Amino acid sequence: MEIENINRSHLKNVPKHIAIIMDGNGRWAKERGLPRIAGHREGINSVREITRICGEIGVKYLTLFTFSTENWNRPKREVKALMTLLLSTIKKEIKELHKNNVKFSTIGDISILPKSTEKGIKEGIKLTSNNSGLNLILALNYGSRQEILSAVNNIISDINKKDIEIDSIDENIFSSYLYTNNCPDPDLLIRTSGELRISNFLLWQSAYTEMYLTDTYWPSFRENELFQAIFDFQNRERRFGKTSEQLDS
């Protein structure tokens, strides 16, 4: 289904927070007889377009699963190429993001990334820290199980230091120890390439997130595909455990 002549001013109920598992770069390249890194490069064009559109239509948070803790298991040459590509992309794109009032940040442990990459990321975060538009969040060296374990360990540490009482811990307190403590849970989680799993991404945060799965590979995921996902989201009833009758009352 092609979506043409979209009047963006008429868009209602736009998700406040969209999270995307960007999958299929390697398969996109393979089908075209190209090296895998070519798929990653083309995927950057999708990131650029989706980020721009989200800013234009009023999405407040866009979280992109960029590099997982498990991705270190890929061939060393590919990992090195990805780190180089990540750094060059940030250096190239950050000024345009800043110009468009985008606030850039990351979740995950970036301390074990190559030092030049970590430095470039921190410079980008600092440059855009006071921007008030779209919050673009890259999940880098991120794994949700590791995030949850880190939160548990930090809570235990604070209990031992008597900074918090064990009886005071509830969902809100626990969430405040996660990497995502400064943003709301995702309203919509998109996964590209036809895979049917969450892959250790925002497990706690996605408890009531609407999921949209598409066969489209990430390098081919552009404006039309994004609006298909958003329109699908808009036609769903989000009950959060309640009945339809309760929502209507």
Protein backbone atom coordinates (compact mmCIF):
# COMPACT_ATOMS: atom_id res chain seq x y z
CA MET A 1 0.00 0.00 0.00
CA GLU A 2 1.45 3.34 -1.08
CA ILE A 3 0.67 6.39 1.02
CA GLU A 4 0.60 9.48 -1.15
CA ASN A 5 -0.05 13.19 -0.60
CA ILE A 6 0.13 12.96 3.18
CA ASN A 7 -1.09 16.11 4.90
CA ARG A 8 1.11 16.07 7.97
CA SER A 9 -0.84 18.85 9.66
CA HIS A 10 -3.79 16.44 9.92
CA LEU A 11 -1.83 13.75 11.74
CA LYS A 12 -3.40 13.04 15.10
CA ASN A 13 -2.32 10.81 17.96
CA VAL A 14 1.30 10.70 16.83
CA PRO A 15 3.33 8.41 19.11
CA LYS A 16 5.27 10.42 21.65
CA HIS A 17 8.10 7.86 21.67
CA ILE A 18 9.00 5.58 18.77
CA ALA A 19 11.66 2.89 19.20
CA ILE A 20 13.09 1.04 16.20
CA ILE A 21 15.07 -2.18 15.86
CA MET A 22 16.89 -1.39 12.61
CA ASP A 23 17.41 -4.82 11.09
CA GLY A 24 18.24 -6.14 7.64
CA ASN A 25 21.23 -4.07 6.52
CA GLY A 26 23.33 -7.12 5.71
CA ARG A 27 20.55 -8.94 3.86
CA TRP A 28 19.72 -5.78 1.87
CA ALA A 29 23.35 -5.66 0.73
CA LYS A 30 23.58 -9.41 0.03
CA GLU A 31 20.54 -9.34 -2.24
CA ARG A 32 22.30 -6.66 -4.29
CA GLY A 33 25.66 -8.43 -4.39
CA LEU A 34 27.23 -5.78 -2.16
CA PRO A 35 29.41 -6.09 0.96
CA ARG A 36 27.56 -5.92 4.27
CA ILE A 37 29.03 -2.52 5.12
CA ALA A 38 27.22 -1.10 2.06
CA GLY A 39 23.95 -2.03 3.75
CA HIS A 40 25.01 -0.22 6.91
CA ARG A 41 25.91 2.88 4.88
CA GLU A 42 22.55 2.87 3.13
CA GLY A 43 20.89 2.36 6.51
CA ILE A 44 22.29 5.72 7.58
CA ASN A 45 20.19 7.37 4.88
CA SER A 46 17.12 5.77 6.47
CA VAL A 47 18.19 7.07 9.89
CA ARG A 48 18.55 10.57 8.45
CA GLU A 49 15.13 10.53 6.79
CA ILE A 50 13.23 8.93 9.68
CA THR A 51 14.84 11.35 12.16
CA ARG A 52 13.86 14.32 10.00
CA ILE A 53 10.27 13.18 9.59
CA CYS A 54 9.82 12.37 13.29
CA GLY A 55 10.97 15.89 14.13
CA GLU A 56 8.57 17.39 11.60
CA ILE A 57 5.45 15.52 12.77
CA GLY A 58 5.95 16.06 16.50
CA VAL A 59 7.45 12.80 17.76
CA LYS A 60 9.28 13.72 20.97
CA TYR A 61 11.59 10.70 21.36
CA LEU A 62 13.14 8.41 18.76
CA THR A 63 15.24 5.53 20.08
CA LEU A 64 17.28 3.55 17.53
CA PHE A 65 18.85 0.17 18.36
CA THR A 66 22.23 0.90 16.81
CA PHE A 67 24.69 -1.60 18.31
CA SER A 68 23.85 -4.28 20.86
CA THR A 69 26.06 -5.93 23.46
CA GLU A 70 25.72 -9.10 21.37
CA ASN A 71 26.94 -7.39 18.18
CA TRP A 72 30.52 -7.65 19.46
CA ASN A 73 30.27 -11.32 18.41
CA ARG A 74 30.19 -10.36 14.74
CA PRO A 75 33.35 -10.70 12.61
CA LYS A 76 36.05 -8.34 13.87
CA ARG A 77 36.38 -6.66 10.48
CA GLU A 78 32.68 -5.80 10.43
CA VAL A 79 32.72 -4.49 14.01
CA LYS A 80 35.72 -2.28 13.22
CA ALA A 81 34.02 -0.98 10.08
CA LEU A 82 30.84 -0.25 12.05
CA MET A 83 32.73 1.72 14.70
CA THR A 84 34.50 3.74 12.00
CA LEU A 85 31.19 4.35 10.22
CA LEU A 86 29.52 5.36 13.47
CA LEU A 87 32.18 7.97 14.24
CA SER A 88 32.23 9.42 10.74
CA THR A 89 28.42 9.60 10.68
CA ILE A 90 28.21 11.41 14.00
CA LYS A 91 30.84 13.93 12.90
CA LYS A 92 29.01 14.47 9.61
CA GLU A 93 25.45 14.62 10.93
CA ILE A 94 25.73 16.29 14.32
CA LYS A 95 25.85 19.87 13.01
CA GLU A 96 22.70 19.29 10.96
CA LEU A 97 20.99 17.73 13.98
CA HIS A 98 22.00 20.74 16.06
CA LYS A 99 20.73 23.12 13.37
CA ASN A 100 17.36 21.32 13.48
CA ASN A 101 17.14 21.60 17.29
CA VAL A 102 17.54 17.82 17.80
CA LYS A 103 18.87 16.70 21.17
CA PHE A 104 21.26 13.77 20.78
CA SER A 105 21.95 11.20 23.51
CA THR A 106 22.73 7.51 24.00
CA ILE A 107 21.76 4.61 26.21
CA GLY A 108 24.12 1.74 26.97
CA ASP A 109 27.74 1.55 28.06
CA ILE A 110 29.77 3.60 25.58
CA SER A 111 32.91 3.47 27.73
CA ILE A 112 34.19 0.34 25.96
CA LEU A 113 33.73 1.75 22.46
CA PRO A 114 36.90 2.90 20.69
CA LYS A 115 38.10 6.06 22.43
CA SER A 116 37.77 8.17 19.29
CA THR A 117 34.17 7.01 18.86
CA GLU A 118 33.36 7.64 22.52
CA LYS A 119 34.90 11.11 22.27
CA GLY A 120 32.89 11.97 19.15
CA ILE A 121 29.67 10.80 20.81
CA LYS A 122 30.28 12.86 23.93
CA GLU A 123 31.05 15.95 21.85
CA GLY A 124 27.77 15.49 19.97
CA ILE A 125 25.84 15.07 23.23
CA LYS A 126 27.40 18.23 24.64
CA LEU A 127 26.76 20.29 21.49
CA THR A 128 23.04 19.46 21.40
CA SER A 129 22.37 19.25 25.15
CA ASN A 130 20.24 22.41 25.31
CA ASN A 131 18.13 21.69 22.23
CA SER A 132 14.38 21.37 22.75
CA GLY A 133 13.19 19.47 19.67
CA LEU A 134 13.22 15.76 18.94
CA ASN A 135 15.21 13.61 21.36
CA LEU A 136 17.30 11.25 19.22
CA ILE A 137 18.58 8.37 21.36
CA LEU A 138 21.04 5.82 20.01
CA ALA A 139 21.22 2.50 21.88
CA LEU A 140 24.95 1.75 21.70
CA ASN A 141 26.57 -1.26 23.33
CA TYR A 142 23.11 -1.72 24.77
CA GLY A 143 21.44 -4.83 26.15
CA SER A 144 18.24 -4.71 28.16
CA ARG A 145 19.11 -7.62 30.48
CA GLN A 146 22.40 -5.94 31.30
CA GLU A 147 20.55 -2.67 31.90
CA ILE A 148 18.16 -4.37 34.33
CA LEU A 149 20.98 -6.14 36.17
CA SER A 150 22.85 -2.84 36.46
CA ALA A 151 19.73 -1.22 37.92
CA VAL A 152 19.35 -4.04 40.47
CA ASN A 153 22.99 -3.77 41.53
CA ASN A 154 22.74 0.01 41.92
CA ILE A 155 19.55 -0.32 43.96
CA ILE A 156 21.24 -2.86 46.25
CA SER A 157 24.18 -0.50 46.64
CA ASP A 158 21.90 2.40 47.56
CA ILE A 159 20.00 0.22 50.04
CA ASN A 160 23.28 -0.74 51.70
CA LYS A 161 24.24 2.94 51.88
CA LYS A 162 20.78 3.62 53.31
CA ASP A 163 20.06 6.10 50.52
CA ILE A 164 16.74 4.33 49.89
CA GLU A 165 14.49 2.00 51.88
CA ILE A 166 13.77 -1.43 50.42
CA ASP A 167 10.05 -1.02 51.13
CA SER A 168 9.96 2.15 49.02
CA ILE A 169 10.94 0.43 45.78
CA ASP A 170 8.14 0.40 43.23
CA GLU A 171 7.98 0.51 39.43
CA ASN A 172 8.71 4.24 39.34
CA ILE A 173 11.75 3.89 41.58
CA PHE A 174 13.05 0.96 39.58
CA SER A 175 12.56 2.82 36.29
CA SER A 176 14.61 5.71 37.64
CA TYR A 177 17.65 3.40 37.76
CA LEU A 178 17.40 2.45 34.08
CA TYR A 179 19.32 4.13 31.24
CA THR A 180 15.98 5.51 30.03
CA ASN A 181 15.12 7.33 33.25
CA ASN A 182 14.78 10.65 31.42
CA CYS A 183 12.26 9.56 28.79
CA PRO A 184 8.83 7.89 28.70
CA ASP A 185 8.31 4.29 27.69
CA PRO A 186 7.91 3.72 23.93
CA ASP A 187 4.41 3.99 22.51
CA LEU A 188 5.40 2.21 19.30
CA LEU A 189 8.19 -0.31 18.68
CA ILE A 190 9.03 -0.99 15.03
CA ARG A 191 11.15 -3.92 13.88
CA THR A 192 12.24 -4.19 10.28
CA SER A 193 13.34 -7.16 8.10
CA GLY A 194 10.64 -9.66 9.07
CA GLU A 195 12.20 -10.93 12.31
CA LEU A 196 9.72 -11.71 15.10
CA ARG A 197 11.63 -11.03 18.31
CA ILE A 198 12.63 -8.14 20.59
CA SER A 199 16.33 -9.09 20.74
CA ASN A 200 17.08 -7.82 24.24
CA PHE A 201 15.81 -4.30 23.49
CA LEU A 202 13.91 -2.21 26.06
CA LEU A 203 12.39 -5.25 27.77
CA TRP A 204 11.15 -3.42 30.87
CA GLN A 205 10.12 -0.30 28.98
CA SER A 206 8.10 -2.15 26.33
CA ALA A 207 5.63 -3.84 28.69
CA TYR A 208 2.68 -2.01 27.07
CA THR A 209 4.29 -0.83 23.86
CA GLU A 210 2.48 -1.43 20.57
CA MET A 211 4.63 -3.48 18.18
CA TYR A 212 4.79 -3.11 14.41
CA LEU A 213 6.69 -5.74 12.42
CA THR A 214 7.53 -5.27 8.75
CA ASP A 215 9.36 -7.37 6.17
CA THR A 216 11.04 -4.23 4.80
CA TYR A 217 14.80 -4.15 5.33
CA TRP A 218 16.02 -1.11 7.24
CA PRO A 219 17.86 0.50 4.27
CA SER A 220 14.52 0.55 2.41
CA PHE A 221 12.50 1.85 5.38
CA ARG A 222 11.64 5.45 4.57
CA GLU A 223 8.76 7.92 4.83
CA ASN A 224 6.06 5.70 3.35
CA GLU A 225 6.96 2.78 5.64
CA LEU A 226 7.08 5.01 8.72
CA PHE A 227 3.61 6.39 8.07
CA GLN A 228 2.23 2.91 7.52
CA ALA A 229 3.51 2.03 11.01
CA ILE A 230 2.06 5.20 12.54
CA PHE A 231 -1.33 4.77 10.85
CA ASP A 232 -1.44 1.16 12.07
CA PHE A 233 -0.67 2.41 15.59
CA GLN A 234 -3.44 5.02 15.38
CA ASN A 235 -6.02 2.33 14.60
CA ARG A 236 -5.25 0.33 17.72
CA GLU A 237 -6.96 0.56 21.08
CA ARG A 238 -4.49 0.85 23.92
CA ARG A 239 -6.21 -0.55 27.02
CA PHE A 240 -3.32 -1.04 29.48
CA GLY A 241 -5.16 -3.94 31.11
CA LYS A 242 -8.59 -2.28 31.11
CA THR A 243 -11.65 -3.18 29.03
CA SER A 244 -12.92 -1.20 26.07
CA GLU A 245 -15.99 -0.25 28.11
CA GLN A 246 -13.82 1.25 30.84
CA LEU A 247 -11.99 3.41 28.31
CA ASP A 248 -15.29 4.65 26.87
CA SER A 249 -16.79 5.55 30.23
